[in-house]
Amino acid sequence: MLQTDQSHNLRSLPSMDYFEIIKQRAKNEHQVLGRNKHNINNTSQDPRLSKNLYPLSSPLDDVILNEPLPLVFISHCHADQALAEGLIDLLEAAISIEPQEIRASSVPGCKLQAGCHVDDQLHSEIAQAKVVLLIVTKQVSDSPYVHFELGAAWGLNKRIFPLTTPDIDLIDLDRVLGPIASLHRLDLSNNSECHQVVTDVCKAINRNRKTEVDSRIAVKVERLQKLAKATHSVTARKDDAPAAFQRSG
């Protein structure tokens, strides 16, 4: 389990080493999840057997059994909250999807629940998500938690859509994406590519695109474009962590 007091140590890890560590952990965890589900399914006719054969001792098991998990996981740094909100506004306007089916740790309505084990919750949600949307801005390059989420997604072979903004150059992009730098990217400052985000997410989660609100979607796309173009003026926060770890004030 990744402890919150280790966040500064994580910053010192080289990108490739960090990816490999998180990838291996994700694979190991995915195997455990499979065994949990297998044992629970085989003993579902008698609840007593489920408890005796495989005690639910991990917070991760509780998440899987008791909590709805999102279809879309948006990985972003806290400084890009406004951009994540704009992306969610577009998705909710254009796709038949509920707020609880989207996870974005800094966005009201899509945050983690109080009292959850943050790293276990994030891992389980990435494992169950149909697609991971990675918002890539200049400040992401120094975010250990974006690397944490990206490494988990990569290790679990999840579908990853890198969404870029004009403020990030190719050097920073390679540094953030590491071994998945060859994935096709979409530019959130580009009108047609914002629409493509909607189309590709629809396909990934097997949901229909709303056709009766084209004018509303156009407004949401325009707002997202403006937010993406304005990212160069956003100052990166030194203590970049998921919203669950951010102190108020």
Protein backbone atom coordinates (compact mmCIF):
# COMPACT_ATOMS: atom_id res chain seq x y z
CA MET A 1 0.00 0.00 0.00
CA LEU A 2 1.36 3.38 -1.00
CA GLN A 3 1.48 5.54 2.12
CA THR A 4 0.83 9.28 1.86
CA ASP A 5 4.07 10.11 3.65
CA GLN A 6 6.01 8.49 0.82
CA SER A 7 4.90 11.01 -1.80
CA HIS A 8 8.14 12.97 -1.64
CA ASN A 9 10.18 9.79 -2.13
CA LEU A 10 8.13 8.96 -5.20
CA ARG A 11 9.20 12.21 -6.83
CA SER A 12 12.83 11.10 -6.78
CA LEU A 13 12.24 7.91 -8.77
CA PRO A 14 13.27 7.92 -12.45
CA SER A 15 10.21 7.76 -14.73
CA MET A 16 10.95 4.27 -16.12
CA ASP A 17 11.66 2.79 -12.67
CA TYR A 18 8.45 4.31 -11.37
CA PHE A 19 6.44 2.86 -14.26
CA GLU A 20 7.93 -0.60 -13.72
CA ILE A 21 7.19 -0.55 -9.97
CA ILE A 22 3.57 0.49 -10.43
CA LYS A 23 3.09 -1.83 -13.40
CA GLN A 24 4.23 -4.87 -11.39
CA ARG A 25 2.08 -3.90 -8.45
CA ALA A 26 -0.94 -3.49 -10.72
CA LYS A 27 -0.41 -6.92 -12.25
CA ASN A 28 -0.09 -8.54 -8.83
CA GLU A 29 -3.20 -6.79 -7.59
CA HIS A 30 -5.16 -7.77 -10.70
CA GLN A 31 -4.36 -11.43 -10.01
CA VAL A 32 -5.64 -11.07 -6.45
CA LEU A 33 -8.83 -9.44 -7.70
CA GLY A 34 -9.41 -12.36 -10.03
CA ARG A 35 -8.99 -14.89 -7.23
CA ASN A 36 -11.37 -12.92 -5.00
CA LYS A 37 -14.08 -12.84 -7.64
CA HIS A 38 -13.57 -16.53 -8.48
CA ASN A 39 -13.90 -17.67 -4.89
CA ILE A 40 -16.87 -15.42 -4.22
CA ASN A 41 -18.71 -16.59 -7.34
CA ASN A 42 -18.13 -20.26 -6.49
CA THR A 43 -19.56 -19.85 -2.99
CA SER A 44 -22.36 -17.39 -3.76
CA GLN A 45 -25.06 -19.99 -2.99
CA ASP A 46 -24.01 -20.17 0.65
CA PRO A 47 -22.82 -16.85 2.16
CA ARG A 48 -21.24 -18.71 5.08
CA LEU A 49 -18.80 -20.48 2.76
CA SER A 50 -17.70 -17.20 1.23
CA LYS A 51 -16.58 -15.83 4.60
CA ASN A 52 -14.88 -19.07 5.66
CA LEU A 53 -12.97 -19.76 2.44
CA TYR A 54 -11.89 -16.23 1.57
CA PRO A 55 -12.22 -13.63 4.36
CA LEU A 56 -12.78 -10.13 3.05
CA SER A 57 -9.88 -8.61 4.94
CA SER A 58 -8.81 -6.04 2.37
CA PRO A 59 -10.39 -2.60 1.84
CA LEU A 60 -9.99 -3.33 -1.86
CA ASP A 61 -12.43 -6.26 -1.60
CA ASP A 62 -14.98 -4.03 0.14
CA VAL A 63 -14.72 -1.54 -2.72
CA ILE A 64 -15.34 -4.22 -5.35
CA LEU A 65 -18.29 -5.76 -3.55
CA ASN A 66 -20.06 -2.73 -2.12
CA GLU A 67 -19.25 0.35 -4.17
CA PRO A 68 -20.19 1.24 -7.75
CA LEU A 69 -17.06 1.73 -9.84
CA PRO A 70 -16.65 4.31 -12.62
CA LEU A 71 -16.51 3.51 -16.31
CA VAL A 72 -14.33 6.53 -17.08
CA PHE A 73 -11.25 7.37 -15.00
CA ILE A 74 -9.81 10.84 -15.56
CA SER A 75 -6.18 11.07 -14.49
CA HIS A 76 -5.03 14.67 -13.94
CA CYS A 77 -3.08 16.82 -11.52
CA HIS A 78 -4.92 18.98 -9.02
CA ALA A 79 -3.82 22.20 -10.72
CA ASP A 80 -5.82 21.13 -13.79
CA GLN A 81 -9.13 20.85 -11.93
CA ALA A 82 -10.85 23.39 -14.19
CA LEU A 83 -9.77 21.47 -17.28
CA ALA A 84 -11.05 18.19 -15.80
CA GLU A 85 -14.37 19.89 -14.98
CA GLY A 86 -14.65 21.14 -18.55
CA LEU A 87 -14.00 17.66 -19.89
CA ILE A 88 -16.62 16.14 -17.59
CA ASP A 89 -19.17 18.81 -18.57
CA LEU A 90 -18.65 17.85 -22.20
CA LEU A 91 -18.94 14.11 -21.55
CA GLU A 92 -22.11 14.48 -19.49
CA ALA A 93 -23.66 16.76 -22.09
CA ALA A 94 -22.79 14.53 -25.03
CA ILE A 95 -23.00 10.96 -23.66
CA SER A 96 -25.58 8.96 -21.73
CA ILE A 97 -23.44 8.68 -18.59
CA GLU A 98 -24.06 9.41 -14.91
CA PRO A 99 -21.72 11.46 -12.67
CA GLN A 100 -20.96 8.42 -10.48
CA GLU A 101 -19.67 6.62 -13.58
CA ILE A 102 -16.82 9.14 -13.88
CA ARG A 103 -13.89 9.46 -11.46
CA ALA A 104 -11.88 12.66 -11.24
CA SER A 105 -10.37 13.09 -7.79
CA SER A 106 -10.45 16.91 -7.71
CA VAL A 107 -13.87 17.55 -9.27
CA PRO A 108 -16.98 17.95 -7.05
CA GLY A 109 -19.45 15.15 -7.71
CA CYS A 110 -16.69 12.87 -9.00
CA LYS A 111 -14.40 12.80 -5.94
CA LEU A 112 -13.48 9.81 -3.80
CA GLN A 113 -15.74 8.98 -0.89
CA ALA A 114 -14.68 10.06 2.58
CA GLY A 115 -12.92 7.37 4.59
CA CYS A 116 -11.82 5.22 1.66
CA HIS A 117 -8.26 3.91 1.35
CA VAL A 118 -7.13 6.23 -1.43
CA ASP A 119 -4.49 4.15 -3.18
CA ASP A 120 -6.55 0.94 -3.01
CA GLN A 121 -9.63 2.78 -4.27
CA LEU A 122 -7.72 4.28 -7.19
CA HIS A 123 -6.21 0.93 -8.13
CA SER A 124 -9.55 -0.88 -8.05
CA GLU A 125 -11.28 1.84 -10.06
CA ILE A 126 -8.57 1.86 -12.71
CA ALA A 127 -8.82 -1.94 -12.90
CA GLN A 128 -12.58 -1.78 -13.50
CA ALA A 129 -12.72 1.34 -15.71
CA LYS A 130 -13.37 0.91 -19.42
CA VAL A 131 -11.09 3.79 -20.35
CA VAL A 132 -8.52 6.08 -18.68
CA LEU A 133 -8.44 9.68 -19.91
CA LEU A 134 -5.05 11.22 -19.19
CA ILE A 135 -5.00 15.03 -19.18
CA VAL A 136 -1.44 16.00 -20.10
CA THR A 137 -0.37 19.56 -19.29
CA LYS A 138 2.96 21.15 -18.38
CA GLN A 139 2.45 20.62 -14.65
CA VAL A 140 1.73 16.91 -15.02
CA SER A 141 5.42 16.17 -15.67
CA ASP A 142 6.17 16.68 -11.96
CA SER A 143 3.10 14.89 -10.62
CA PRO A 144 3.93 11.56 -8.91
CA TYR A 145 0.26 10.67 -8.61
CA VAL A 146 -0.45 10.99 -12.31
CA HIS A 147 2.51 8.66 -12.90
CA PHE A 148 1.07 6.37 -10.21
CA GLU A 149 -2.31 6.17 -12.00
CA LEU A 150 -0.76 5.94 -15.46
CA GLY A 151 1.58 3.14 -14.37
CA ALA A 152 -1.35 1.18 -12.93
CA ALA A 153 -3.38 1.65 -16.12
CA TRP A 154 -0.44 0.58 -18.27
CA GLY A 155 0.25 -2.47 -16.10
CA LEU A 156 -3.38 -3.56 -16.38
CA ASN A 157 -3.45 -3.01 -20.16
CA LYS A 158 -6.26 -0.47 -19.90
CA ARG A 159 -7.30 1.73 -22.78
CA ILE A 160 -5.54 5.06 -22.30
CA PHE A 161 -6.46 8.23 -24.19
CA PRO A 162 -3.75 10.93 -23.78
CA LEU A 163 -5.41 14.38 -23.99
CA THR A 164 -2.91 17.18 -24.49
CA THR A 165 -2.86 20.97 -24.25
CA PRO A 166 -0.72 23.50 -26.16
CA ASP A 167 1.55 24.28 -23.21
CA ILE A 168 3.36 20.93 -23.22
CA ASP A 169 6.25 20.27 -25.60
CA LEU A 170 7.46 16.95 -26.99
CA ILE A 171 10.21 16.57 -24.38
CA ASP A 172 7.77 16.94 -21.49
CA LEU A 173 5.28 14.73 -23.30
CA ASP A 174 7.80 11.90 -23.60
CA ARG A 175 8.74 12.37 -19.96
CA VAL A 176 5.12 12.04 -18.83
CA LEU A 177 4.02 9.23 -21.10
CA GLY A 178 7.24 7.22 -20.90
CA PRO A 179 6.78 3.81 -22.54
CA ILE A 180 3.32 4.70 -23.91
CA ALA A 181 4.47 7.86 -25.71
CA SER A 182 3.57 6.22 -29.02
CA LEU A 183 -0.15 6.26 -28.20
CA HIS A 184 -2.19 8.54 -30.45
CA ARG A 185 -2.98 11.81 -28.68
CA LEU A 186 -5.90 14.22 -28.96
CA ASP A 187 -5.49 17.99 -28.53
CA LEU A 188 -8.13 19.53 -26.25
CA SER A 189 -7.57 22.94 -27.85
CA ASN A 190 -8.72 21.57 -31.21
CA ASN A 191 -12.47 21.60 -31.96
CA SER A 192 -12.66 18.46 -34.06
CA GLU A 193 -10.45 16.51 -31.67
CA CYS A 194 -12.68 17.44 -28.72
CA HIS A 195 -15.56 15.91 -30.65
CA GLN A 196 -13.40 12.86 -31.32
CA VAL A 197 -12.87 12.46 -27.56
CA VAL A 198 -16.65 12.13 -27.21
CA THR A 199 -16.90 9.63 -30.07
CA ASP A 200 -14.01 7.49 -28.81
CA VAL A 201 -15.28 7.45 -25.22
CA CYS A 202 -18.72 6.37 -26.46
CA LYS A 203 -17.13 3.41 -28.20
CA ALA A 204 -14.92 2.54 -25.23
CA ILE A 205 -17.78 2.41 -22.71
CA ASN A 206 -20.42 1.18 -25.18
CA ARG A 207 -22.76 4.12 -24.64
CA ASN A 208 -24.75 6.18 -27.14
CA ARG A 209 -23.99 9.76 -28.02
CA LYS A 210 -26.81 12.23 -27.41
CA THR A 211 -28.03 13.65 -30.71
CA GLU A 212 -30.71 16.06 -29.55
CA VAL A 213 -28.36 18.53 -27.81
CA ASP A 214 -25.87 19.46 -30.53
CA SER A 215 -25.97 23.17 -29.70
CA ARG A 216 -25.26 22.47 -26.03
CA ILE A 217 -22.36 20.19 -26.95
CA ALA A 218 -20.88 22.92 -29.15
CA VAL A 219 -20.88 25.30 -26.17
CA LYS A 220 -19.15 22.71 -23.97
CA VAL A 221 -16.52 22.05 -26.64
CA GLU A 222 -15.80 25.77 -26.99
CA ARG A 223 -15.36 26.12 -23.22
CA LEU A 224 -13.03 23.11 -23.08
CA GLN A 225 -10.94 24.56 -25.91
CA LYS A 226 -10.56 27.87 -24.05
CA LEU A 227 -9.52 26.08 -20.86
CA ALA A 228 -6.95 24.03 -22.78
CA LYS A 229 -5.48 27.11 -24.45
CA ALA A 230 -5.23 28.88 -21.10
CA THR A 231 -3.19 26.16 -19.37
CA HIS A 232 0.11 27.97 -19.99
CA SER A 233 -0.95 30.60 -17.44
CA VAL A 234 -1.60 28.09 -14.68
CA THR A 235 1.18 27.83 -12.09
CA ALA A 236 2.03 24.29 -11.04
CA ARG A 237 1.51 23.47 -7.38
CA LYS A 238 4.57 22.17 -5.60
CA ASP A 239 2.65 19.64 -3.53
CA ASP A 240 0.75 17.91 -6.29
CA ALA A 241 -1.39 15.06 -4.98
CA PRO A 242 -4.93 13.74 -5.42
CA ALA A 243 -7.59 15.99 -3.93
CA ALA A 244 -7.91 13.57 -1.00
CA PHE A 245 -4.40 14.62 0.13
CA GLN A 246 -4.69 18.35 -0.56
CA ARG A 247 -4.92 20.66 2.43
CA SER A 248 -7.44 23.44 2.30
CA GLY A 249 -6.33 27.05 2.24
